[in-house]
Amino acid sequence: MVKTIKQLTGVLLLCSAISLPSYAQSGDASVKKGNDLYRKGDYANAELYYRKALLKEPGNVAAKFNLGNAMEKQKKGEDAAAMFNDVGGGKSVDTATKAKAYYNKGLALAKDNKLQMAIDAFKQALRLAPDDEQARENLQKAMNELRQQQQQKQDQKQNQQPQPQKQQPKPQQEKTNSKLNQSQAEEMLGQLRDNEKQLQRQIQKGRSTPNQNKKDW
């Protein structure tokens, strides 16, 4: 899936060329120098020249846009996203440039793992440029990654829950059962004693009774 930051040609370093006269401002010389450094991979010094251009002309769209690119390359995602957002919200900025700014904002946020904010930025880009396939593909990718992360968090939460344990007999129930068993044993023992006493009485009675069958002499 394509995930490429958009740039302008010439002074503006965007994908689609924007004619220089419509954006010609007093800081363009610094922007051009910044672009040369950017192409060489010297993003830190490119950033300095873009900032120099903005000191001369704070509303320089090319300087803002390319400053966002330079900061993104230096892994300053939050600052880059803020700069792209500034370009996207500019009243004097054309629709195509706004769309590209929101697209780059989405990429910067996605790389910082701020997926929901990245999704919102890609949606803004698509509202302005409905045919932008890169924005559409990266929107889908960010949505998929967000769903996966949410599912992983849900799975971890479920795995951390304590497993149900076997129910142990309550101590009170054990004591009650023990008392019942002891009571039954005592009752049986009492019955045995009663039977023994009755048997002894019968034996004693038999011994004390005189023999009424007299012998004839």
C-alpha atoms as a PDB file:
ATOM      1  CA  MET A   1       0.000   0.000   0.000  1.00  0.00           C
ATOM      2  CA  VAL A   2       1.450   3.354  -1.033  1.00  0.00           C
ATOM      3  CA  LYS A   3       2.446   5.634   1.810  1.00  0.00           C
ATOM      4  CA  THR A   4       4.365   8.541   0.287  1.00  0.00           C
ATOM      5  CA  ILE A   5       4.558  12.136   1.420  1.00  0.00           C
ATOM      6  CA  LYS A   6       3.454  14.571  -1.270  1.00  0.00           C
ATOM      7  CA  GLN A   7       5.779  17.319  -2.448  1.00  0.00           C
ATOM      8  CA  LEU A   8       5.764  20.259  -4.806  1.00  0.00           C
ATOM      9  CA  THR A   9       7.753  20.752  -7.988  1.00  0.00           C
ATOM     10  CA  GLY A  10       9.836  23.862  -8.313  1.00  0.00           C
ATOM     11  CA  VAL A  11       9.469  26.166  -5.355  1.00  0.00           C
ATOM     12  CA  LEU A  12       6.465  24.414  -3.862  1.00  0.00           C
ATOM     13  CA  LEU A  13       7.597  20.765  -3.914  1.00  0.00           C
ATOM     14  CA  LEU A  14       4.090  19.374  -4.502  1.00  0.00           C
ATOM     15  CA  CYS A  15       3.008  16.455  -6.662  1.00  0.00           C
ATOM     16  CA  SER A  16       1.163  18.632  -9.108  1.00  0.00           C
ATOM     17  CA  ALA A  17       2.973  21.782 -10.203  1.00  0.00           C
ATOM     18  CA  ILE A  18       1.542  25.091  -9.075  1.00  0.00           C
ATOM     19  CA  SER A  19       2.618  28.059 -11.147  1.00  0.00           C
ATOM     20  CA  LEU A  20       5.189  30.133  -9.311  1.00  0.00           C
ATOM     21  CA  PRO A  21       3.639  33.547 -10.061  1.00  0.00           C
ATOM     22  CA  SER A  22       0.506  32.786  -8.059  1.00  0.00           C
ATOM     23  CA  TYR A  23       2.684  31.990  -5.040  1.00  0.00           C
ATOM     24  CA  ALA A  24       5.607  34.383  -5.707  1.00  0.00           C
ATOM     25  CA  GLN A  25       6.502  35.995  -2.386  1.00  0.00           C
ATOM     26  CA  SER A  26       9.453  37.749  -0.819  1.00  0.00           C
ATOM     27  CA  GLY A  27      10.832  34.569   0.780  1.00  0.00           C
ATOM     28  CA  ASP A  28      11.000  32.528  -2.416  1.00  0.00           C
ATOM     29  CA  ALA A  29      14.808  32.654  -2.613  1.00  0.00           C
ATOM     30  CA  SER A  30      15.027  31.040   0.815  1.00  0.00           C
ATOM     31  CA  VAL A  31      12.391  28.483  -0.194  1.00  0.00           C
ATOM     32  CA  LYS A  32      14.424  27.547  -3.283  1.00  0.00           C
ATOM     33  CA  LYS A  33      17.552  27.108  -1.162  1.00  0.00           C
ATOM     34  CA  GLY A  34      15.568  25.032   1.310  1.00  0.00           C
ATOM     35  CA  ASN A  35      14.295  22.848  -1.517  1.00  0.00           C
ATOM     36  CA  ASP A  36      17.839  22.210  -2.767  1.00  0.00           C
ATOM     37  CA  LEU A  37      18.881  21.098   0.712  1.00  0.00           C
ATOM     38  CA  TYR A  38      15.729  19.014   1.081  1.00  0.00           C
ATOM     39  CA  ARG A  39      16.456  17.101  -2.134  1.00  0.00           C
ATOM     40  CA  LYS A  40      19.967  16.368  -0.829  1.00  0.00           C
ATOM     41  CA  GLY A  41      18.498  14.933   2.360  1.00  0.00           C
ATOM     42  CA  ASP A  42      19.713  17.805   4.551  1.00  0.00           C
ATOM     43  CA  TYR A  43      16.357  18.267   6.229  1.00  0.00           C
ATOM     44  CA  ALA A  44      17.611  20.167   9.278  1.00  0.00           C
ATOM     45  CA  ASN A  45      19.170  22.962   7.199  1.00  0.00           C
ATOM     46  CA  ALA A  46      16.236  22.914   4.791  1.00  0.00           C
ATOM     47  CA  GLU A  47      14.018  23.605   7.795  1.00  0.00           C
ATOM     48  CA  LEU A  48      16.155  26.609   8.698  1.00  0.00           C
ATOM     49  CA  TYR A  49      15.731  28.145   5.226  1.00  0.00           C
ATOM     50  CA  TYR A  50      11.980  27.562   5.228  1.00  0.00           C
ATOM     51  CA  ARG A  51      11.771  29.296   8.586  1.00  0.00           C
ATOM     52  CA  LYS A  52      13.885  32.135   7.199  1.00  0.00           C
ATOM     53  CA  ALA A  53      11.394  32.508   4.357  1.00  0.00           C
ATOM     54  CA  LEU A  54       8.537  32.669   6.860  1.00  0.00           C
ATOM     55  CA  LEU A  55      10.282  35.408   8.804  1.00  0.00           C
ATOM     56  CA  LYS A  56      10.259  37.492   5.623  1.00  0.00           C
ATOM     57  CA  GLU A  57       6.729  36.501   4.659  1.00  0.00           C
ATOM     58  CA  PRO A  58       4.670  34.693   7.369  1.00  0.00           C
ATOM     59  CA  GLY A  59       1.962  33.791   4.866  1.00  0.00           C
ATOM     60  CA  ASN A  60       4.296  32.037   2.398  1.00  0.00           C
ATOM     61  CA  VAL A  61       2.377  28.862   1.544  1.00  0.00           C
ATOM     62  CA  ALA A  62       5.332  27.098  -0.082  1.00  0.00           C
ATOM     63  CA  ALA A  63       7.528  27.746   2.965  1.00  0.00           C
ATOM     64  CA  LYS A  64       4.873  26.417   5.340  1.00  0.00           C
ATOM     65  CA  PHE A  65       4.153  23.335   3.261  1.00  0.00           C
ATOM     66  CA  ASN A  66       7.781  22.404   2.721  1.00  0.00           C
ATOM     67  CA  LEU A  67       8.638  23.182   6.342  1.00  0.00           C
ATOM     68  CA  GLY A  68       6.046  20.564   7.256  1.00  0.00           C
ATOM     69  CA  ASN A  69       7.773  18.098   4.910  1.00  0.00           C
ATOM     70  CA  ALA A  70      11.206  18.833   6.405  1.00  0.00           C
ATOM     71  CA  MET A  71       9.936  18.389   9.953  1.00  0.00           C
ATOM     72  CA  GLU A  72       8.190  15.135   9.048  1.00  0.00           C
ATOM     73  CA  LYS A  73      11.460  13.782   7.659  1.00  0.00           C
ATOM     74  CA  GLN A  74      13.089  14.571  11.012  1.00  0.00           C
ATOM     75  CA  LYS A  75      10.362  12.607  12.834  1.00  0.00           C
ATOM     76  CA  LYS A  76       8.758  15.754  14.212  1.00  0.00           C
ATOM     77  CA  GLY A  77       5.337  14.400  13.408  1.00  0.00           C
ATOM     78  CA  GLU A  78       3.272  16.583  15.711  1.00  0.00           C
ATOM     79  CA  ASP A  79       4.915  19.811  14.537  1.00  0.00           C
ATOM     80  CA  ALA A  80       4.655  18.732  10.906  1.00  0.00           C
ATOM     81  CA  ALA A  81       0.956  17.912  11.290  1.00  0.00           C
ATOM     82  CA  ALA A  82       0.330  21.347  12.795  1.00  0.00           C
ATOM     83  CA  MET A  83       2.071  23.034   9.854  1.00  0.00           C
ATOM     84  CA  PHE A  84       0.110  21.011   7.278  1.00  0.00           C
ATOM     85  CA  ASN A  85      -3.084  21.828   9.134  1.00  0.00           C
ATOM     86  CA  ASP A  86      -2.203  25.525   8.919  1.00  0.00           C
ATOM     87  CA  VAL A  87      -1.811  25.210   5.153  1.00  0.00           C
ATOM     88  CA  GLY A  88      -5.043  23.235   4.810  1.00  0.00           C
ATOM     89  CA  GLY A  89      -6.990  25.857   6.712  1.00  0.00           C
ATOM     90  CA  GLY A  90      -5.583  28.809   4.773  1.00  0.00           C
ATOM     91  CA  LYS A  91      -8.228  30.958   3.116  1.00  0.00           C
ATOM     92  CA  SER A  92      -6.019  31.943   0.196  1.00  0.00           C
ATOM     93  CA  VAL A  93      -4.795  28.384  -0.492  1.00  0.00           C
ATOM     94  CA  ASP A  94      -6.211  26.547  -3.507  1.00  0.00           C
ATOM     95  CA  THR A  95      -8.153  23.307  -3.078  1.00  0.00           C
ATOM     96  CA  ALA A  96      -5.485  21.024  -4.566  1.00  0.00           C
ATOM     97  CA  THR A  97      -2.814  22.292  -2.176  1.00  0.00           C
ATOM     98  CA  LYS A  98      -5.191  21.990   0.788  1.00  0.00           C
ATOM     99  CA  ALA A  99      -5.911  18.372  -0.131  1.00  0.00           C
ATOM    100  CA  LYS A 100      -2.207  17.542  -0.311  1.00  0.00           C
ATOM    101  CA  ALA A 101      -1.585  19.298   3.004  1.00  0.00           C
ATOM    102  CA  TYR A 102      -4.252  17.220   4.749  1.00  0.00           C
ATOM    103  CA  TYR A 103      -2.886  14.078   3.121  1.00  0.00           C
ATOM    104  CA  ASN A 104       0.613  14.801   4.457  1.00  0.00           C
ATOM    105  CA  LYS A 105      -0.899  15.638   7.837  1.00  0.00           C
ATOM    106  CA  GLY A 106      -2.475  12.183   7.866  1.00  0.00           C
ATOM    107  CA  LEU A 107       0.857  10.518   7.096  1.00  0.00           C
ATOM    108  CA  ALA A 108       2.679  12.434   9.836  1.00  0.00           C
ATOM    109  CA  LEU A 109       0.037  11.468  12.397  1.00  0.00           C
ATOM    110  CA  ALA A 110      -0.059   7.836  11.270  1.00  0.00           C
ATOM    111  CA  LYS A 111       3.705   7.538  11.733  1.00  0.00           C
ATOM    112  CA  ASP A 112       3.219   8.851  15.284  1.00  0.00           C
ATOM    113  CA  ASN A 113       0.568   6.133  15.783  1.00  0.00           C
ATOM    114  CA  LYS A 114      -2.158   8.759  16.201  1.00  0.00           C
ATOM    115  CA  LEU A 115      -4.413   6.730  13.981  1.00  0.00           C
ATOM    116  CA  GLN A 116      -7.795   8.300  14.685  1.00  0.00           C
ATOM    117  CA  MET A 117      -6.415  11.775  13.975  1.00  0.00           C
ATOM    118  CA  ALA A 118      -4.719  10.425  10.842  1.00  0.00           C
ATOM    119  CA  ILE A 119      -8.026   8.943   9.683  1.00  0.00           C
ATOM    120  CA  ASP A 120      -9.720  12.315  10.113  1.00  0.00           C
ATOM    121  CA  ALA A 121      -6.966  14.019   8.088  1.00  0.00           C
ATOM    122  CA  PHE A 122      -7.222  11.518   5.223  1.00  0.00           C
ATOM    123  CA  LYS A 123     -10.984  12.039   5.167  1.00  0.00           C
ATOM    124  CA  GLN A 124     -10.445  15.794   4.883  1.00  0.00           C
ATOM    125  CA  ALA A 125      -8.086  15.199   1.964  1.00  0.00           C
ATOM    126  CA  LEU A 126     -10.663  13.016   0.207  1.00  0.00           C
ATOM    127  CA  ARG A 127     -13.421  15.581   0.662  1.00  0.00           C
ATOM    128  CA  LEU A 128     -11.255  18.024  -1.256  1.00  0.00           C
ATOM    129  CA  ALA A 129      -9.877  15.478  -3.751  1.00  0.00           C
ATOM    130  CA  PRO A 130     -12.303  12.524  -4.024  1.00  0.00           C
ATOM    131  CA  ASP A 131     -10.219  10.836  -6.752  1.00  0.00           C
ATOM    132  CA  ASP A 132      -6.998  10.707  -4.702  1.00  0.00           C
ATOM    133  CA  GLU A 133      -6.262   6.964  -4.583  1.00  0.00           C
ATOM    134  CA  GLN A 134      -3.249   7.357  -2.290  1.00  0.00           C
ATOM    135  CA  ALA A 135      -5.386   9.124   0.292  1.00  0.00           C
ATOM    136  CA  ARG A 136      -8.059   6.438  -0.042  1.00  0.00           C
ATOM    137  CA  GLU A 137      -5.559   3.586   0.354  1.00  0.00           C
ATOM    138  CA  ASN A 138      -3.832   5.142   3.347  1.00  0.00           C
ATOM    139  CA  LEU A 139      -7.192   5.905   4.944  1.00  0.00           C
ATOM    140  CA  GLN A 140      -8.121   2.218   4.674  1.00  0.00           C
ATOM    141  CA  LYS A 141      -4.734   1.169   6.028  1.00  0.00           C
ATOM    142  CA  ALA A 142      -5.039   3.470   9.048  1.00  0.00           C
ATOM    143  CA  MET A 143      -8.559   2.199   9.751  1.00  0.00           C
ATOM    144  CA  ASN A 144      -7.385  -1.431   9.593  1.00  0.00           C
ATOM    145  CA  GLU A 145      -4.459  -0.746  11.923  1.00  0.00           C
ATOM    146  CA  LEU A 146      -6.733   1.019  14.398  1.00  0.00           C
ATOM    147  CA  ARG A 147      -9.177  -1.922  14.418  1.00  0.00           C
ATOM    148  CA  GLN A 148      -6.315  -4.371  14.994  1.00  0.00           C
ATOM    149  CA  GLN A 149      -4.973  -2.345  17.906  1.00  0.00           C
ATOM    150  CA  GLN A 150      -8.417  -2.092  19.470  1.00  0.00           C
ATOM    151  CA  GLN A 151      -8.927  -5.857  19.090  1.00  0.00           C
ATOM    152  CA  GLN A 152      -5.530  -6.570  20.669  1.00  0.00           C
ATOM    153  CA  LYS A 153      -6.373  -4.364  23.640  1.00  0.00           C
ATOM    154  CA  GLN A 154      -9.706  -6.152  24.039  1.00  0.00           C
ATOM    155  CA  ASP A 155      -8.019  -9.571  23.903  1.00  0.00           C
ATOM    156  CA  GLN A 156      -5.409  -8.526  26.477  1.00  0.00           C
ATOM    157  CA  LYS A 157      -8.140  -7.234  28.767  1.00  0.00           C
ATOM    158  CA  GLN A 158     -10.002 -10.538  28.574  1.00  0.00           C
ATOM    159  CA  ASN A 159      -6.821 -12.562  29.197  1.00  0.00           C
ATOM    160  CA  GLN A 160      -6.067 -10.535  32.315  1.00  0.00           C
ATOM    161  CA  GLN A 161      -9.445 -11.306  33.888  1.00  0.00           C
ATOM    162  CA  PRO A 162      -9.229 -13.961  36.687  1.00  0.00           C
ATOM    163  CA  GLN A 163     -10.465 -17.421  35.737  1.00  0.00           C
ATOM    164  CA  PRO A 164     -13.476 -18.750  37.705  1.00  0.00           C
ATOM    165  CA  GLN A 165     -12.452 -21.174  40.449  1.00  0.00           C
ATOM    166  CA  LYS A 166     -14.206 -24.329  41.649  1.00  0.00           C
ATOM    167  CA  GLN A 167     -16.644 -23.550  44.400  1.00  0.00           C
ATOM    168  CA  GLN A 168     -15.326 -24.819  47.719  1.00  0.00           C
ATOM    169  CA  PRO A 169     -17.769 -26.105  50.349  1.00  0.00           C
ATOM    170  CA  LYS A 170     -18.563 -23.444  52.873  1.00  0.00           C
ATOM    171  CA  PRO A 171     -17.154 -23.977  56.395  1.00  0.00           C
ATOM    172  CA  GLN A 172     -20.640 -23.580  57.871  1.00  0.00           C
ATOM    173  CA  GLN A 173     -21.941 -26.373  55.665  1.00  0.00           C
ATOM    174  CA  GLU A 174     -19.065 -28.615  56.724  1.00  0.00           C
ATOM    175  CA  LYS A 175     -19.777 -27.939  60.403  1.00  0.00           C
ATOM    176  CA  THR A 176     -23.476 -28.645  59.900  1.00  0.00           C
ATOM    177  CA  ASN A 177     -22.759 -31.943  58.150  1.00  0.00           C
ATOM    178  CA  SER A 178     -20.333 -32.887  60.919  1.00  0.00           C
ATOM    179  CA  LYS A 179     -22.933 -32.138  63.571  1.00  0.00           C
ATOM    180  CA  LEU A 180     -25.511 -34.224  61.752  1.00  0.00           C
ATOM    181  CA  ASN A 181     -23.175 -37.201  61.534  1.00  0.00           C
ATOM    182  CA  GLN A 182     -22.287 -36.952  65.243  1.00  0.00           C
ATOM    183  CA  SER A 183     -25.950 -36.696  66.218  1.00  0.00           C
ATOM    184  CA  GLN A 184     -26.821 -39.789  64.219  1.00  0.00           C
ATOM    185  CA  ALA A 185     -23.974 -41.720  65.839  1.00  0.00           C
ATOM    186  CA  GLU A 186     -25.078 -40.720  69.338  1.00  0.00           C
ATOM    187  CA  GLU A 187     -28.649 -41.739  68.562  1.00  0.00           C
ATOM    188  CA  MET A 188     -27.539 -45.160  67.369  1.00  0.00           C
ATOM    189  CA  LEU A 189     -25.345 -45.595  70.444  1.00  0.00           C
ATOM    190  CA  GLY A 190     -28.278 -44.677  72.687  1.00  0.00           C
ATOM    191  CA  GLN A 191     -30.461 -47.275  71.007  1.00  0.00           C
ATOM    192  CA  LEU A 192     -27.781 -49.931  71.537  1.00  0.00           C
ATOM    193  CA  ARG A 193     -27.565 -49.051  75.229  1.00  0.00           C
ATOM    194  CA  ASP A 194     -31.340 -49.241  75.605  1.00  0.00           C
ATOM    195  CA  ASN A 195     -31.372 -52.636  73.947  1.00  0.00           C
ATOM    196  CA  GLU A 196     -28.574 -53.841  76.206  1.00  0.00           C
ATOM    197  CA  LYS A 197     -30.404 -52.645  79.337  1.00  0.00           C
ATOM    198  CA  GLN A 198     -33.606 -54.353  78.224  1.00  0.00           C
ATOM    199  CA  LEU A 199     -31.700 -57.579  77.649  1.00  0.00           C
ATOM    200  CA  GLN A 200     -30.114 -57.394  81.126  1.00  0.00           C
ATOM    201  CA  ARG A 201     -33.518 -56.874  82.739  1.00  0.00           C
ATOM    202  CA  GLN A 202     -34.882 -59.928  80.973  1.00  0.00           C
ATOM    203  CA  ILE A 203     -31.943 -62.021  82.183  1.00  0.00           C
ATOM    204  CA  GLN A 204     -32.341 -60.829  85.763  1.00  0.00           C
ATOM    205  CA  LYS A 205     -36.055 -61.515  85.671  1.00  0.00           C
ATOM    206  CA  GLY A 206     -35.433 -65.046  84.522  1.00  0.00           C
ATOM    207  CA  ARG A 207     -33.070 -65.753  87.423  1.00  0.00           C
ATOM    208  CA  SER A 208     -35.349 -64.404  90.161  1.00  0.00           C
ATOM    209  CA  THR A 209     -38.531 -66.346  89.138  1.00  0.00           C
ATOM    210  CA  PRO A 210     -39.012 -69.617  91.285  1.00  0.00           C
ATOM    211  CA  ASN A 211     -39.387 -72.916  89.537  1.00  0.00           C
ATOM    212  CA  GLN A 212     -43.046 -73.883  89.913  1.00  0.00           C
ATOM    213  CA  ASN A 213     -42.633 -77.425  88.479  1.00  0.00           C
ATOM    214  CA  LYS A 214     -42.086 -79.520  91.638  1.00  0.00           C
ATOM    215  CA  LYS A 215     -40.588 -82.997  91.462  1.00  0.00           C
ATOM    216  CA  ASP A 216     -42.544 -85.926  92.712  1.00  0.00           C
ATOM    217  CA  TRP A 217     -40.779 -87.898  95.356  1.00  0.00           C
END
